[in-house]
Amino acid sequence: MKVERYLERVNINHVQIDLPSLQLLQQKHMLHIPFENLDISQKKWIDLNLEKMYDKIIIRKRGGLCFELNPLFNWLLTQLGFTTTLITGTVAIDDNGWGKENTHLTNLVKVDETTYLADVGFGNSSHFPIPLSGEVVDDGFHRYRIIHRKNQIYDLQQAIGKGWKTQIRFSTEPRTLSEYEPLSTFIQTDPRSPFANHTLVTMATNDGRVTLTKDSLVITKHHQKKVFDVNEEKWNHLYDSYFT
């Protein structure tokens, strides 16, 4: 596993241990590495093994889910000299419901005495790290903030209209990759898992996002969406065109 190869994958030449570099790393990661569940949809088991994740995502230029993308990003940041913590969170499904508890795996990064949520594994999420202080971050597409609930519990929120909608509730309690094993099994095999029953590939672009499912291609530019029908014959060509 080589840091230089990882940086090449996200088109970065040099970084420092500071906030601008952390912002650049997260943004470039979102623009070059897709969020996808292709292994699950093809019934291929995903091991919680950093070397296998590195081979898949960096060498073979694939994407992955939160429990692949964020631990690997954590490894990169640690190798570069950042202070990181692996944590878990629970995804808000709607105003009245939550996904399975602690199935989202993500990162906290401390820079100059400020702690940030640095998440590259949540699909359509912030391009930039978000401080736990409550400061609003505008990534050019959406506004985000983190509010403190109680003790070690925080909510990541996105501005929707004139209000705020919680996306993830997380704890700052440190976790390890091995602790996540039962949750990884749930995500890959349980019918209730949002990734066990459909195909999804999505990646940020400089002016929006592109998302490919089994039967549609959605291209978003400047908040305007265009939806195209997809069939099996077109699928591989579209995947190669937008995600490799």
Protein backbone atom coordinates (compact mmCIF):
# COMPACT_ATOMS: atom_id res chain seq x y z
CA MET A 1 0.00 0.00 0.00
CA LYS A 2 1.57 3.26 -1.16
CA VAL A 3 0.45 6.77 -0.27
CA GLU A 4 1.77 8.08 -3.58
CA ARG A 5 -0.44 5.69 -5.55
CA TYR A 6 -3.47 6.77 -3.52
CA LEU A 7 -2.74 10.45 -4.14
CA GLU A 8 -2.31 9.73 -7.84
CA ARG A 9 -5.74 8.06 -7.85
CA VAL A 10 -7.36 11.29 -6.59
CA ASN A 11 -5.15 13.55 -8.73
CA ILE A 12 -3.18 15.21 -5.91
CA ASN A 13 0.57 15.77 -5.97
CA HIS A 14 1.38 17.15 -2.53
CA VAL A 15 -0.37 17.85 0.77
CA GLN A 16 0.42 19.40 4.12
CA ILE A 17 -1.08 18.71 7.54
CA ASP A 18 -3.55 21.57 7.50
CA LEU A 19 -7.21 22.31 6.81
CA PRO A 20 -6.80 23.36 3.14
CA SER A 21 -5.09 20.05 2.40
CA LEU A 22 -7.79 18.09 4.24
CA GLN A 23 -10.44 19.96 2.25
CA LEU A 24 -8.63 19.20 -1.00
CA LEU A 25 -8.24 15.52 -0.13
CA GLN A 26 -11.93 15.09 0.64
CA GLN A 27 -13.09 17.05 -2.41
CA LYS A 28 -10.80 15.20 -4.81
CA HIS A 29 -11.79 11.86 -3.29
CA MET A 30 -15.46 12.65 -3.92
CA LEU A 31 -14.69 13.67 -7.52
CA HIS A 32 -12.60 10.63 -8.44
CA ILE A 33 -13.80 7.64 -6.42
CA PRO A 34 -17.44 6.54 -6.71
CA PHE A 35 -19.77 5.35 -4.00
CA GLU A 36 -21.05 1.98 -5.20
CA ASN A 37 -22.39 -1.41 -4.16
CA LEU A 38 -21.52 -3.48 -7.23
CA ASP A 39 -19.85 -6.28 -5.28
CA ILE A 40 -22.95 -6.75 -3.13
CA SER A 41 -25.30 -6.70 -6.11
CA GLN A 42 -23.07 -9.32 -7.78
CA LYS A 43 -22.94 -11.46 -4.59
CA LYS A 44 -19.22 -10.91 -4.08
CA TRP A 45 -18.20 -10.81 -0.43
CA ILE A 46 -16.39 -7.69 0.83
CA ASP A 47 -13.76 -8.39 3.49
CA LEU A 48 -12.90 -5.76 6.07
CA ASN A 49 -9.28 -5.84 5.02
CA LEU A 50 -7.44 -2.63 4.17
CA GLU A 51 -5.08 -4.24 1.66
CA LYS A 52 -8.00 -5.72 -0.27
CA MET A 53 -9.81 -2.37 -0.15
CA TYR A 54 -6.66 -0.65 -1.43
CA ASP A 55 -6.33 -3.14 -4.30
CA LYS A 56 -9.98 -2.73 -5.28
CA ILE A 57 -10.28 1.06 -4.99
CA ILE A 58 -6.79 2.34 -5.74
CA ILE A 59 -5.22 -0.28 -8.01
CA ARG A 60 -8.34 -1.52 -9.85
CA LYS A 61 -9.94 1.95 -9.72
CA ARG A 62 -13.27 0.87 -8.32
CA GLY A 63 -15.45 2.51 -5.70
CA GLY A 64 -17.07 1.17 -2.56
CA LEU A 65 -19.40 1.70 0.39
CA CYS A 66 -18.78 3.57 3.63
CA PHE A 67 -17.04 0.63 5.32
CA GLU A 68 -14.54 0.51 2.45
CA LEU A 69 -14.08 4.16 1.45
CA ASN A 70 -13.84 5.71 4.91
CA PRO A 71 -11.41 3.23 6.54
CA LEU A 72 -9.16 3.50 3.49
CA PHE A 73 -9.36 7.31 3.62
CA ASN A 74 -8.59 7.07 7.35
CA TRP A 75 -5.49 5.04 6.51
CA LEU A 76 -4.35 7.66 4.00
CA LEU A 77 -4.87 10.54 6.41
CA THR A 78 -3.00 8.73 9.18
CA GLN A 79 -0.10 7.94 6.88
CA LEU A 80 0.09 11.60 5.88
CA GLY A 81 0.24 12.66 9.53
CA PHE A 82 -3.34 13.70 10.35
CA THR A 83 -4.91 12.76 13.68
CA THR A 84 -7.94 10.60 12.92
CA THR A 85 -10.67 8.61 14.66
CA LEU A 86 -12.89 5.98 13.08
CA ILE A 87 -16.50 6.34 14.30
CA THR A 88 -19.97 5.00 13.54
CA GLY A 89 -23.30 6.72 12.97
CA THR A 90 -26.95 6.01 12.20
CA VAL A 91 -28.52 7.23 8.97
CA ALA A 92 -31.82 9.13 9.10
CA ILE A 93 -34.24 7.54 6.64
CA ASP A 94 -36.91 10.23 6.92
CA ASP A 95 -38.37 12.61 9.51
CA ASN A 96 -39.68 9.72 11.60
CA GLY A 97 -37.30 6.84 11.05
CA TRP A 98 -33.72 5.67 11.21
CA GLY A 99 -31.67 2.97 9.53
CA LYS A 100 -30.02 0.20 11.50
CA GLU A 101 -28.02 1.69 14.36
CA ASN A 102 -24.34 2.43 13.75
CA THR A 103 -24.20 0.99 10.23
CA HIS A 104 -22.49 4.10 8.85
CA LEU A 105 -18.71 4.12 9.28
CA THR A 106 -16.93 7.46 8.99
CA ASN A 107 -14.05 9.63 10.23
CA LEU A 108 -13.23 12.42 12.61
CA VAL A 109 -10.07 14.41 11.88
CA LYS A 110 -8.44 16.89 14.26
CA VAL A 111 -6.64 19.86 12.70
CA ASP A 112 -5.31 22.80 14.75
CA GLU A 113 -7.41 21.85 17.81
CA THR A 114 -10.64 21.69 15.78
CA THR A 115 -12.36 18.37 15.07
CA TYR A 116 -14.03 17.78 11.69
CA LEU A 117 -16.28 15.11 10.24
CA ALA A 118 -14.48 13.97 7.08
CA ASP A 119 -16.80 11.58 5.26
CA VAL A 120 -16.10 10.25 1.75
CA GLY A 121 -18.53 7.34 2.01
CA PHE A 122 -22.04 8.76 2.13
CA GLY A 123 -22.98 9.19 -1.50
CA ASN A 124 -24.37 12.68 -2.06
CA SER A 125 -22.68 14.35 0.90
CA SER A 126 -20.46 17.33 1.62
CA HIS A 127 -17.38 17.83 -0.51
CA PHE A 128 -15.62 19.40 2.48
CA PRO A 129 -14.96 18.46 6.12
CA ILE A 130 -17.50 19.86 8.60
CA PRO A 131 -16.43 21.10 12.05
CA LEU A 132 -18.18 19.79 15.16
CA SER A 133 -18.35 23.40 16.37
CA GLY A 134 -21.62 24.09 14.54
CA GLU A 135 -20.11 26.33 11.87
CA VAL A 136 -22.02 26.13 8.58
CA VAL A 137 -20.07 24.74 5.61
CA ASP A 138 -21.14 25.55 2.04
CA ASP A 139 -19.53 23.21 -0.50
CA GLY A 140 -20.99 25.03 -3.49
CA PHE A 141 -23.95 22.68 -3.78
CA HIS A 142 -25.43 22.41 -0.27
CA ARG A 143 -24.97 23.85 3.21
CA TYR A 144 -24.13 21.61 6.16
CA ARG A 145 -23.71 21.91 9.89
CA ILE A 146 -23.17 19.64 12.89
CA ILE A 147 -25.12 20.18 16.09
CA HIS A 148 -24.33 18.72 19.50
CA ARG A 149 -27.17 16.64 20.96
CA LYS A 150 -25.79 15.33 24.26
CA ASN A 151 -22.60 13.82 25.64
CA GLN A 152 -20.76 12.30 22.63
CA ILE A 153 -23.75 12.45 20.28
CA TYR A 154 -23.91 14.82 17.29
CA ASP A 155 -26.17 15.30 14.25
CA LEU A 156 -24.96 16.05 10.73
CA GLN A 157 -27.57 18.25 9.06
CA GLN A 158 -28.15 19.58 5.55
CA ALA A 159 -30.01 22.81 4.82
CA ILE A 160 -33.34 22.07 3.11
CA GLY A 161 -35.35 25.13 2.14
CA LYS A 162 -35.49 27.36 5.22
CA GLY A 163 -34.80 24.53 7.66
CA TRP A 164 -32.31 21.79 8.46
CA LYS A 165 -32.66 18.04 7.97
CA THR A 166 -30.60 15.52 9.93
CA GLN A 167 -28.71 13.06 7.72
CA ILE A 168 -26.63 11.13 10.24
CA ARG A 169 -26.54 10.90 14.04
CA PHE A 170 -23.10 9.85 15.21
CA SER A 171 -21.06 9.28 18.32
CA THR A 172 -17.48 10.47 18.76
CA GLU A 173 -16.60 7.21 20.53
CA PRO A 174 -13.64 5.61 18.72
CA ARG A 175 -14.31 2.38 16.81
CA THR A 176 -12.12 -0.20 15.10
CA LEU A 177 -12.64 -1.85 11.73
CA SER A 178 -12.91 -5.29 13.34
CA GLU A 179 -15.77 -4.08 15.57
CA TYR A 180 -17.73 -3.30 12.43
CA GLU A 181 -17.76 -6.91 11.17
CA PRO A 182 -21.37 -7.77 12.24
CA LEU A 183 -22.66 -4.56 10.67
CA SER A 184 -20.78 -5.27 7.46
CA THR A 185 -22.51 -8.65 7.35
CA PHE A 186 -25.88 -6.96 7.83
CA ILE A 187 -25.25 -4.48 5.01
CA GLN A 188 -24.14 -7.21 2.61
CA THR A 189 -26.73 -9.89 3.34
CA ASP A 190 -29.81 -8.66 5.18
CA PRO A 191 -32.90 -7.95 3.04
CA ARG A 192 -33.48 -4.81 5.12
CA SER A 193 -30.15 -3.39 4.01
CA PRO A 194 -30.57 -0.52 1.52
CA PHE A 195 -27.69 -1.96 -0.55
CA ALA A 196 -28.70 -5.62 -0.74
CA ASN A 197 -31.51 -5.30 -3.28
CA HIS A 198 -30.44 -2.82 -5.93
CA THR A 199 -27.47 -1.57 -7.96
CA LEU A 200 -26.03 1.90 -7.33
CA VAL A 201 -23.00 3.82 -8.57
CA THR A 202 -22.75 7.55 -7.88
CA MET A 203 -20.00 10.16 -7.96
CA ALA A 204 -19.71 13.91 -7.57
CA THR A 205 -18.76 16.06 -10.55
CA ASN A 206 -17.50 19.63 -10.74
CA ASP A 207 -21.01 20.88 -11.48
CA GLY A 208 -23.21 18.25 -9.84
CA ARG A 209 -23.41 14.46 -9.73
CA VAL A 210 -23.86 11.40 -11.91
CA THR A 211 -25.75 8.33 -10.67
CA LEU A 212 -26.20 4.98 -12.40
CA THR A 213 -28.66 2.32 -11.28
CA LYS A 214 -29.78 -0.88 -12.96
CA ASP A 215 -32.35 0.94 -15.09
CA SER A 216 -31.51 4.67 -15.08
CA LEU A 217 -28.76 7.24 -15.47
CA VAL A 218 -29.27 10.52 -13.60
CA ILE A 219 -27.06 13.47 -14.49
CA THR A 220 -27.35 16.52 -12.24
CA LYS A 221 -25.80 19.81 -13.37
CA HIS A 222 -26.28 23.03 -11.43
CA HIS A 223 -29.20 21.45 -9.52
CA GLN A 224 -30.96 20.46 -12.76
CA LYS A 225 -31.57 16.73 -13.25
CA LYS A 226 -31.84 14.75 -16.46
CA VAL A 227 -32.92 11.10 -16.27
CA PHE A 228 -32.17 8.56 -19.00
CA ASP A 229 -33.45 5.00 -19.29
CA VAL A 230 -30.81 2.29 -19.14
CA ASN A 231 -30.89 -1.33 -20.25
CA GLU A 232 -28.45 -4.18 -19.72
CA GLU A 233 -26.90 -3.62 -23.13
CA LYS A 234 -26.00 0.00 -22.33
CA TRP A 235 -24.98 -0.47 -18.72
CA ASN A 236 -21.30 -1.40 -19.00
CA HIS A 237 -20.65 1.33 -21.57
CA LEU A 238 -22.21 3.96 -19.31
CA TYR A 239 -20.28 2.72 -16.29
CA ASP A 240 -16.98 2.90 -18.21
CA SER A 241 -17.86 6.35 -19.56
CA TYR A 242 -18.65 7.99 -16.24
CA PHE A 243 -16.87 6.05 -13.50
CA THR A 244 -13.55 4.72 -14.81
